[in-house]
N, C-alpha and C. Protein backbone atom coordinates (compact mmCIF):
# COMPACT_ATOMS: atom_id res chain seq x y z
N MET A 1 -13.31 30.29 7.66
CA MET A 1 -12.14 30.09 8.20
C MET A 1 -12.19 28.33 7.72
N ILE A 2 -11.64 27.94 7.45
CA ILE A 2 -11.26 26.08 7.01
C ILE A 2 -10.92 25.85 7.95
N SER A 3 -11.62 25.01 8.84
CA SER A 3 -11.67 23.45 9.89
C SER A 3 -12.54 22.01 9.07
N ILE A 4 -12.15 20.96 9.90
CA ILE A 4 -12.40 20.11 10.21
C ILE A 4 -13.21 19.33 11.07
N ARG A 5 -14.75 19.43 10.85
CA ARG A 5 -15.46 18.70 12.21
C ARG A 5 -16.34 17.71 11.70
N ALA A 6 -17.65 17.32 12.46
CA ALA A 6 -18.62 15.80 11.81
C ALA A 6 -19.00 16.64 11.79
N PHE A 7 -19.61 15.97 10.95
CA PHE A 7 -20.67 15.66 9.81
C PHE A 7 -22.20 16.23 10.41
N HIS A 8 -23.19 17.53 9.74
CA HIS A 8 -24.08 17.50 10.59
C HIS A 8 -25.78 16.99 9.06
N PRO A 9 -26.39 17.31 10.28
CA PRO A 9 -28.26 16.61 9.15
C PRO A 9 -27.80 18.18 8.58
N ASP A 10 -27.89 19.23 8.81
CA ASP A 10 -27.83 19.99 7.65
C ASP A 10 -26.86 20.38 6.72
N ASP A 11 -25.37 19.63 6.20
CA ASP A 11 -24.58 18.67 5.29
C ASP A 11 -25.43 18.50 4.40
N GLU A 12 -26.63 18.16 4.70
CA GLU A 12 -26.82 16.89 3.08
C GLU A 12 -27.21 17.66 2.22
N PRO A 13 -27.75 18.76 2.22
CA PRO A 13 -27.82 19.49 1.14
C PRO A 13 -27.23 19.98 0.27
N HIS A 14 -25.59 20.40 0.87
CA HIS A 14 -24.13 20.22 0.07
C HIS A 14 -23.25 19.67 0.41
N LEU A 15 -23.91 18.39 0.34
CA LEU A 15 -22.76 17.21 -0.17
C LEU A 15 -23.47 16.88 -1.54
N ILE A 16 -24.76 16.58 -1.40
CA ILE A 16 -25.32 16.43 -2.96
C ILE A 16 -24.96 17.28 -3.81
N GLU A 17 -25.16 18.03 -3.40
CA GLU A 17 -24.75 19.46 -4.14
C GLU A 17 -23.16 19.07 -5.38
N LEU A 18 -22.56 19.07 -3.70
CA LEU A 18 -20.67 19.22 -4.90
C LEU A 18 -20.68 17.99 -4.72
N ALA A 19 -21.07 16.90 -4.70
CA ALA A 19 -20.79 15.66 -4.95
C ALA A 19 -21.23 15.71 -6.37
N ASN A 20 -22.26 16.13 -6.82
CA ASN A 20 -22.65 15.38 -8.36
C ASN A 20 -22.12 16.72 -8.78
N ASN A 21 -20.79 16.58 -9.37
CA ASN A 21 -20.62 17.18 -10.05
C ASN A 21 -18.87 16.36 -10.86
N GLU A 22 -18.95 15.97 -12.11
CA GLU A 22 -17.92 14.74 -12.92
C GLU A 22 -16.96 15.34 -12.56
N ARG A 23 -16.31 16.87 -12.87
CA ARG A 23 -15.05 17.32 -12.20
C ARG A 23 -14.61 16.88 -10.92
N VAL A 24 -15.52 17.25 -10.00
CA VAL A 24 -15.06 16.92 -8.98
C VAL A 24 -14.55 15.22 -8.14
N THR A 25 -15.84 14.20 -9.48
CA THR A 25 -15.42 12.81 -9.04
C THR A 25 -14.86 12.41 -9.64
N ARG A 26 -14.33 12.72 -10.82
CA ARG A 26 -13.38 12.08 -11.46
C ARG A 26 -12.02 11.53 -11.23
N TYR A 27 -11.54 11.85 -10.58
CA TYR A 27 -10.19 10.77 -9.59
C TYR A 27 -10.86 11.05 -7.80
N LEU A 28 -11.76 10.16 -8.24
CA LEU A 28 -12.41 9.60 -6.23
C LEU A 28 -12.56 7.61 -7.13
N ARG A 29 -12.65 7.65 -5.95
CA ARG A 29 -12.23 6.08 -6.09
C ARG A 29 -13.57 6.12 -6.49
N ASP A 30 -14.08 4.72 -7.16
CA ASP A 30 -15.04 4.27 -8.08
C ASP A 30 -16.62 4.17 -7.46
N HIS A 31 -16.16 3.80 -5.81
CA HIS A 31 -17.73 3.33 -5.63
C HIS A 31 -17.91 4.13 -4.91
N PHE A 32 -17.33 5.79 -4.15
CA PHE A 32 -18.08 7.40 -4.53
C PHE A 32 -19.15 6.84 -4.72
N PRO A 33 -21.19 7.22 -4.91
CA PRO A 33 -21.73 6.64 -5.29
C PRO A 33 -21.64 8.19 -6.52
N ARG A 34 -22.18 7.89 -7.47
CA ARG A 34 -21.86 8.86 -8.72
C ARG A 34 -23.57 7.95 -9.59
N PRO A 35 -25.29 9.13 -9.84
CA PRO A 35 -24.88 10.34 -9.10
C PRO A 35 -25.39 10.16 -7.10
N TYR A 36 -25.32 11.05 -6.73
CA TYR A 36 -24.78 11.14 -6.07
C TYR A 36 -26.49 12.08 -4.52
N THR A 37 -26.97 10.53 -3.99
CA THR A 37 -28.11 11.16 -3.83
C THR A 37 -28.64 11.58 -2.11
N ARG A 38 -29.88 11.66 -2.07
CA ARG A 38 -29.59 12.14 -0.59
C ARG A 38 -30.21 11.15 0.27
N ARG A 39 -30.17 9.36 0.17
CA ARG A 39 -29.94 8.69 0.49
C ARG A 39 -28.25 8.37 0.67
N ASP A 40 -27.13 8.70 -0.49
CA ASP A 40 -26.04 8.86 0.26
C ASP A 40 -25.88 9.75 1.10
N ALA A 41 -25.81 10.98 1.15
CA ALA A 41 -25.61 11.92 2.39
C ALA A 41 -26.43 11.99 3.52
N ARG A 42 -27.19 11.08 3.56
CA ARG A 42 -28.06 10.86 4.67
C ARG A 42 -26.91 9.17 5.53
N TYR A 43 -26.93 8.58 4.53
CA TYR A 43 -25.65 7.55 5.39
C TYR A 43 -24.53 8.25 5.96
N TRP A 44 -23.71 8.79 4.49
CA TRP A 44 -22.90 9.33 5.12
C TRP A 44 -23.27 10.76 6.08
N ILE A 45 -23.79 10.92 6.29
CA ILE A 45 -23.69 12.07 7.61
C ILE A 45 -23.62 10.87 8.93
N GLU A 46 -25.26 9.76 8.87
CA GLU A 46 -25.26 9.43 10.35
C GLU A 46 -24.43 7.77 10.56
N GLU A 47 -24.10 7.01 9.14
CA GLU A 47 -23.37 6.51 9.46
C GLU A 47 -21.69 6.03 9.88
N GLY A 48 -21.69 6.58 7.70
CA GLY A 48 -20.27 6.49 7.28
C GLY A 48 -18.92 7.20 7.87
N SER A 49 -19.69 8.22 8.19
CA SER A 49 -18.02 9.28 8.23
C SER A 49 -17.44 8.51 9.54
N GLY A 50 -18.22 7.41 10.61
CA GLY A 50 -17.12 7.52 11.27
C GLY A 50 -17.68 5.88 11.84
N ASN A 51 -16.72 4.82 11.83
CA ASN A 51 -16.78 3.54 12.15
C ASN A 51 -15.53 2.61 12.17
N GLU A 52 -16.07 1.39 12.62
CA GLU A 52 -14.38 0.62 12.17
C GLU A 52 -13.35 1.04 11.09
N LEU A 53 -14.27 1.11 9.83
CA LEU A 53 -13.30 1.08 8.71
C LEU A 53 -12.57 2.77 8.79
N GLY A 54 -12.98 4.07 9.04
CA GLY A 54 -12.55 5.09 9.02
C GLY A 54 -13.52 5.95 9.88
N GLN A 55 -11.81 6.98 9.59
CA GLN A 55 -12.80 8.01 10.30
C GLN A 55 -12.98 9.80 9.46
N HIS A 56 -13.82 9.86 9.18
CA HIS A 56 -14.09 11.22 7.76
C HIS A 56 -15.04 12.60 8.59
N PHE A 57 -14.32 13.92 8.23
CA PHE A 57 -15.11 14.93 8.62
C PHE A 57 -15.07 15.50 7.79
N ALA A 58 -16.03 16.46 7.86
CA ALA A 58 -17.05 17.56 6.68
C ALA A 58 -15.94 18.33 6.84
N VAL A 59 -15.21 19.04 5.14
CA VAL A 59 -14.25 20.68 5.35
C VAL A 59 -15.07 21.43 5.60
N SER A 60 -15.36 22.38 6.20
CA SER A 60 -16.15 23.15 6.66
C SER A 60 -15.79 24.47 6.63
N LEU A 61 -16.21 25.79 5.57
CA LEU A 61 -15.52 27.27 5.51
C LEU A 61 -16.76 27.89 5.93
N ASN A 62 -16.46 28.37 7.47
CA ASN A 62 -17.05 29.28 7.79
C ASN A 62 -18.44 28.41 8.32
N GLY A 63 -18.26 27.10 8.85
CA GLY A 63 -19.64 27.10 8.94
C GLY A 63 -20.31 26.08 7.73
N ASN A 64 -20.17 25.91 7.49
CA ASN A 64 -20.38 25.35 6.06
C ASN A 64 -19.99 23.94 4.73
N CYS A 65 -20.50 23.31 5.26
CA CYS A 65 -19.30 22.05 4.56
C CYS A 65 -19.53 22.48 3.27
N ILE A 66 -17.96 22.14 2.85
CA ILE A 66 -17.67 22.29 1.38
C ILE A 66 -16.43 21.36 1.13
N GLY A 67 -17.10 19.65 1.53
CA GLY A 67 -15.92 18.88 0.87
C GLY A 67 -16.16 18.05 2.00
N SER A 68 -15.33 16.45 2.43
CA SER A 68 -13.41 16.03 2.50
C SER A 68 -13.31 15.44 3.02
N ALA A 69 -12.60 15.47 4.29
CA ALA A 69 -11.78 14.33 4.28
C ALA A 69 -11.37 13.35 5.48
N GLY A 70 -10.37 12.17 4.62
CA GLY A 70 -10.98 11.51 6.46
C GLY A 70 -9.89 9.97 5.73
N VAL A 71 -9.81 8.79 6.78
CA VAL A 71 -8.86 7.76 6.67
C VAL A 71 -9.23 6.90 6.96
N PHE A 72 -9.24 5.97 6.48
CA PHE A 72 -9.56 4.21 5.87
C PHE A 72 -8.61 3.89 7.11
N TRP A 73 -9.05 3.21 7.85
CA TRP A 73 -7.14 2.75 8.47
C TRP A 73 -7.11 1.31 7.77
N GLY A 74 -5.73 1.09 7.83
CA GLY A 74 -5.50 -0.08 7.91
C GLY A 74 -5.47 -1.81 8.35
N ARG A 75 -5.42 -2.12 8.54
CA ARG A 75 -6.02 -4.25 9.10
C ARG A 75 -5.37 -4.28 7.90
N ASP A 76 -5.29 -5.52 9.72
CA ASP A 76 -4.28 -6.76 9.98
C ASP A 76 -2.49 -5.90 9.59
N GLU A 77 -1.92 -6.75 9.67
CA GLU A 77 -0.32 -6.07 9.22
C GLU A 77 0.15 -5.02 9.40
N TYR A 78 -1.20 -3.68 8.38
CA TYR A 78 -0.74 -2.69 7.61
C TYR A 78 -1.77 -2.22 8.84
N ARG A 79 -2.01 -2.35 10.43
CA ARG A 79 -2.59 -1.84 10.59
C ARG A 79 -1.90 -0.36 11.57
N TYR A 80 -1.48 -0.57 11.24
CA TYR A 80 -0.23 1.27 11.95
C TYR A 80 -0.31 1.78 10.25
N GLY A 81 -1.01 1.98 9.50
CA GLY A 81 -0.90 2.99 8.92
C GLY A 81 -2.59 3.13 8.18
N GLY A 82 -2.79 4.33 7.79
CA GLY A 82 -4.09 4.69 6.91
C GLY A 82 -4.02 5.11 5.64
N GLU A 83 -4.63 5.19 4.53
CA GLU A 83 -5.17 6.06 3.86
C GLU A 83 -5.45 7.34 3.75
N ILE A 84 -5.28 7.96 3.44
CA ILE A 84 -6.14 9.86 3.60
C ILE A 84 -7.41 9.41 1.77
N GLY A 85 -7.90 10.63 1.59
CA GLY A 85 -8.53 10.76 1.08
C GLY A 85 -9.10 11.65 1.05
N TYR A 86 -10.26 13.22 0.12
CA TYR A 86 -10.55 14.26 0.63
C TYR A 86 -10.98 15.14 -0.83
N TRP A 87 -12.00 15.60 -0.79
CA TRP A 87 -11.96 16.18 -1.37
C TRP A 87 -12.82 17.51 -1.62
N VAL A 88 -13.04 18.77 -1.99
CA VAL A 88 -13.60 19.76 -1.38
C VAL A 88 -14.48 20.16 -3.39
N GLY A 89 -15.58 20.78 -2.66
CA GLY A 89 -16.31 20.95 -4.13
C GLY A 89 -15.64 22.47 -4.92
N GLU A 90 -16.10 22.32 -6.19
CA GLU A 90 -15.30 22.67 -7.72
C GLU A 90 -15.21 24.79 -7.32
N PRO A 91 -16.59 24.90 -7.07
CA PRO A 91 -16.15 26.50 -6.33
C PRO A 91 -15.58 27.28 -5.54
N TYR A 92 -14.96 26.00 -4.62
CA TYR A 92 -14.08 25.90 -3.83
C TYR A 92 -12.53 25.68 -3.79
N TRP A 93 -11.77 25.60 -5.49
CA TRP A 93 -11.01 24.99 -6.20
C TRP A 93 -9.96 26.30 -5.84
N GLY A 94 -8.75 25.83 -5.90
CA GLY A 94 -8.08 26.64 -6.40
C GLY A 94 -7.67 27.91 -5.05
N ARG A 95 -8.52 28.20 -4.13
CA ARG A 95 -8.13 28.76 -2.89
C ARG A 95 -7.58 28.37 -1.33
N GLY A 96 -6.93 27.45 -1.11
CA GLY A 96 -5.80 26.54 0.23
C GLY A 96 -6.85 25.58 0.32
N TYR A 97 -8.17 25.40 -0.18
CA TYR A 97 -8.78 25.02 1.02
C TYR A 97 -8.70 23.76 1.21
N ALA A 98 -7.90 22.54 -0.10
CA ALA A 98 -8.19 21.06 0.30
C ALA A 98 -6.44 20.90 0.82
N THR A 99 -5.96 21.89 0.73
CA THR A 99 -4.79 22.16 1.46
C THR A 99 -4.71 22.25 2.98
N ARG A 100 -5.73 23.06 3.29
CA ARG A 100 -5.45 23.72 5.01
C ARG A 100 -6.26 22.25 5.45
N ALA A 101 -7.16 21.43 4.57
CA ALA A 101 -8.01 20.32 4.97
C ALA A 101 -7.15 18.91 5.29
N VAL A 102 -5.79 19.22 4.33
CA VAL A 102 -4.94 17.72 4.37
C VAL A 102 -4.25 18.39 5.87
N GLU A 103 -4.09 19.36 6.03
CA GLU A 103 -2.96 19.91 7.20
C GLU A 103 -3.95 19.76 8.75
N LEU A 104 -5.34 19.81 8.76
CA LEU A 104 -5.95 19.86 9.28
C LEU A 104 -5.44 18.38 9.77
N LEU A 105 -6.26 17.09 9.56
CA LEU A 105 -7.21 15.79 8.82
C LEU A 105 -5.27 15.58 9.66
N SER A 106 -4.23 15.91 8.85
CA SER A 106 -2.70 15.29 9.37
C SER A 106 -2.08 15.45 10.95
N GLU A 107 -3.03 16.93 11.53
CA GLU A 107 -2.83 17.30 12.64
C GLU A 107 -3.35 16.15 13.61
N TRP A 108 -4.62 16.03 13.02
CA TRP A 108 -5.74 15.00 14.01
C TRP A 108 -5.07 13.28 14.52
N LEU A 109 -5.01 13.07 13.10
CA LEU A 109 -4.03 12.00 13.51
C LEU A 109 -3.05 11.49 13.60
N LEU A 110 -1.78 12.88 13.73
CA LEU A 110 -0.76 12.91 15.02
C LEU A 110 -1.40 12.86 16.13
N ALA A 111 -2.44 13.49 16.26
CA ALA A 111 -2.81 13.70 18.12
C ALA A 111 -3.64 12.95 18.18
N ASN A 112 -4.29 11.74 17.60
CA ASN A 112 -5.37 10.78 17.44
C ASN A 112 -5.01 9.23 17.23
N ALA A 113 -4.55 9.39 16.38
CA ALA A 113 -4.71 7.61 15.94
C ALA A 113 -2.88 7.89 16.48
N SER A 114 -2.69 6.03 16.50
CA SER A 114 -1.04 5.33 16.37
C SER A 114 -0.96 4.97 15.68
N LEU A 115 -1.48 5.87 14.72
CA LEU A 115 -0.54 5.90 12.83
C LEU A 115 0.92 5.38 12.99
N LEU A 116 1.90 5.31 12.13
CA LEU A 116 3.33 5.43 11.91
C LEU A 116 3.53 6.02 11.06
N ARG A 117 2.55 5.46 10.04
CA ARG A 117 2.25 6.58 8.45
C ARG A 117 1.20 6.42 7.44
N PHE A 118 0.81 7.24 6.70
CA PHE A 118 -0.51 7.26 6.37
C PHE A 118 0.23 8.09 4.76
N GLU A 119 -0.70 7.65 3.96
CA GLU A 119 -1.15 7.42 2.60
C GLU A 119 -1.71 7.89 1.45
N ALA A 120 -1.51 8.75 0.69
CA ALA A 120 -2.33 9.02 -0.50
C ALA A 120 -2.45 8.38 -1.75
N ARG A 121 -3.23 8.36 -2.56
CA ARG A 121 -2.89 7.48 -3.81
C ARG A 121 -3.47 8.35 -4.78
N VAL A 122 -2.26 9.48 -5.66
CA VAL A 122 -3.19 10.02 -6.15
C VAL A 122 -3.28 9.87 -8.02
N ILE A 123 -4.40 9.96 -8.87
CA ILE A 123 -3.95 9.35 -10.70
C ILE A 123 -3.13 10.43 -11.43
N ASP A 124 -2.07 9.44 -11.71
CA ASP A 124 -1.49 10.82 -12.84
C ASP A 124 -1.72 11.77 -13.85
N ARG A 125 -2.75 12.35 -14.05
CA ARG A 125 -3.33 13.23 -14.17
C ARG A 125 -3.96 14.40 -12.77
N ASN A 126 -4.11 14.40 -12.14
CA ASN A 126 -4.78 15.02 -10.95
C ASN A 126 -3.31 15.34 -9.75
N LEU A 127 -2.53 16.75 -11.12
CA LEU A 127 -1.32 17.27 -10.45
C LEU A 127 -1.90 18.49 -8.91
N ALA A 128 -3.13 18.57 -9.10
CA ALA A 128 -3.38 19.73 -8.03
C ALA A 128 -3.61 18.87 -6.28
N SER A 129 -4.20 17.69 -6.52
CA SER A 129 -3.67 16.84 -4.74
C SER A 129 -2.48 16.76 -5.27
N MET A 130 -1.50 16.12 -5.79
CA MET A 130 -0.15 16.30 -6.02
C MET A 130 0.62 17.28 -5.16
N ARG A 131 0.12 18.59 -5.78
CA ARG A 131 0.69 19.41 -4.71
C ARG A 131 -0.22 19.67 -3.31
N VAL A 132 -0.82 19.36 -3.11
CA VAL A 132 -1.56 19.66 -1.89
C VAL A 132 -0.92 19.00 -1.07
N LEU A 133 -0.70 17.78 -1.05
CA LEU A 133 0.83 16.80 -0.74
C LEU A 133 0.94 17.43 -0.13
N GLU A 134 2.41 17.17 -1.00
CA GLU A 134 3.90 18.18 -0.66
C GLU A 134 3.64 19.47 0.41
N LYS A 135 2.48 20.48 -0.26
CA LYS A 135 2.28 21.16 0.07
C LYS A 135 2.18 20.91 2.17
N CYS A 136 1.65 19.96 2.29
CA CYS A 136 1.68 19.25 3.36
C CYS A 136 2.88 18.29 3.65
N GLY A 137 3.64 18.13 2.89
CA GLY A 137 5.09 17.32 4.06
C GLY A 137 5.03 16.06 3.25
N PHE A 138 4.08 15.24 2.77
CA PHE A 138 4.23 14.10 2.06
C PHE A 138 5.14 13.99 1.04
N GLN A 139 5.95 13.41 0.97
CA GLN A 139 6.50 12.64 0.26
C GLN A 139 6.08 11.54 -1.50
N ARG A 140 6.37 11.75 -1.98
CA ARG A 140 5.88 10.54 -3.56
C ARG A 140 6.93 9.34 -3.06
N GLU A 141 6.53 7.99 -2.52
CA GLU A 141 7.77 7.39 -2.90
C GLU A 141 7.97 6.45 -3.67
N GLY A 142 6.90 6.61 -4.81
CA GLY A 142 6.94 5.63 -6.20
C GLY A 142 6.01 6.02 -6.33
N ILE A 143 6.02 5.44 -8.10
CA ILE A 143 4.80 5.02 -9.14
C ILE A 143 4.20 3.77 -9.42
N TYR A 144 3.38 2.97 -9.39
CA TYR A 144 2.27 2.48 -9.23
C TYR A 144 2.16 2.44 -11.30
N ARG A 145 2.56 2.12 -11.96
CA ARG A 145 2.52 1.75 -13.54
C ARG A 145 1.03 1.06 -14.10
N ARG A 146 0.28 2.56 -14.37
CA ARG A 146 -0.35 1.19 -15.07
C ARG A 146 -1.73 0.36 -14.16
N ALA A 147 -1.59 1.02 -13.35
CA ALA A 147 -2.43 0.55 -11.70
C ALA A 147 -3.97 0.89 -12.00
N VAL A 148 -4.39 2.13 -12.08
CA VAL A 148 -5.76 1.96 -12.16
C VAL A 148 -6.47 2.24 -13.29
N CYS A 149 -7.66 2.00 -13.54
CA CYS A 149 -8.68 2.18 -14.30
C CYS A 149 -9.53 3.06 -14.47
N LYS A 150 -9.37 4.19 -14.53
CA LYS A 150 -11.04 4.79 -14.80
C LYS A 150 -11.75 5.21 -15.92
N ARG A 151 -12.45 4.69 -14.96
CA ARG A 151 -13.70 5.06 -16.66
C ARG A 151 -13.00 5.06 -18.21
N GLY A 152 -12.66 3.88 -18.29
CA GLY A 152 -11.94 3.00 -19.31
C GLY A 152 -10.66 3.39 -19.67
N VAL A 153 -9.72 4.25 -19.30
CA VAL A 153 -8.61 5.27 -19.10
C VAL A 153 -7.71 4.25 -18.08
N VAL A 154 -6.62 4.21 -18.45
CA VAL A 154 -5.70 3.30 -17.48
C VAL A 154 -4.36 4.43 -17.42
N HIS A 155 -4.48 4.46 -16.14
CA HIS A 155 -3.35 5.66 -15.36
C HIS A 155 -2.12 5.03 -14.12
N ASP A 156 -1.15 5.99 -14.85
CA ASP A 156 -0.70 5.99 -13.71
C ASP A 156 -0.87 5.93 -12.10
N GLU A 157 -0.19 4.84 -11.23
CA GLU A 157 -1.06 6.78 -9.23
C GLU A 157 0.50 6.48 -8.68
N HIS A 158 0.32 7.98 -7.91
CA HIS A 158 1.73 8.28 -7.99
C HIS A 158 1.10 7.84 -6.23
N VAL A 159 1.95 7.09 -5.45
CA VAL A 159 1.82 7.11 -3.56
C VAL A 159 2.36 7.63 -3.33
N TYR A 160 1.85 9.07 -1.95
CA TYR A 160 2.80 9.82 -1.13
C TYR A 160 2.18 9.52 0.28
N SER A 161 3.27 9.33 1.13
CA SER A 161 3.09 9.44 2.34
C SER A 161 4.09 10.50 3.55
N ARG A 162 3.49 10.02 4.89
CA ARG A 162 4.28 10.87 5.25
C ARG A 162 4.22 10.02 7.05
N LEU A 163 5.20 10.38 7.14
CA LEU A 163 5.67 9.14 8.52
C LEU A 163 5.17 9.98 10.06
N ARG A 164 5.59 9.15 11.11
CA ARG A 164 5.17 9.82 12.24
C ARG A 164 6.50 9.85 12.83
N ASP A 165 7.73 11.12 12.91
CA ASP A 165 8.56 11.22 13.54
C ASP A 165 8.64 10.14 14.82
N SER A 166 9.76 9.85 14.97
CA SER A 166 10.47 8.77 16.27
C SER A 166 10.14 9.01 17.24
């Protein structure tokens, strides 16, 4: 059973193992640590998963951490928006776990945050993530052409959003 929950200290080895995979990190933001060390995992568990910048959860399968899902809060004039992000470890791909995590995160945001919109930005080659968002009720709003440079390659960025019903 998939759930989202607070990170626990015993998630550390799972985070390190799953995050040290180039196939997992290739579409994540460049500030995601590579290699992902014990220090990175400890920081995320102790401080990084919940602060003024955002709220992030462990994606849990029967109690075991298999990834992360969360939101970075919008600031200033964007204060009623947020940008979500998520990942699951490669051994768990193709089983609907990311979709369920985004569904749960969306439910949490609608119940616990005053956001009017939340969005996700996806690199053009990440078709699986686009499909996850579409299954979770996100709509593609547009494409920023040649907006992202990842590892020396320029990509288009697809912007998906979900709006709070009036």
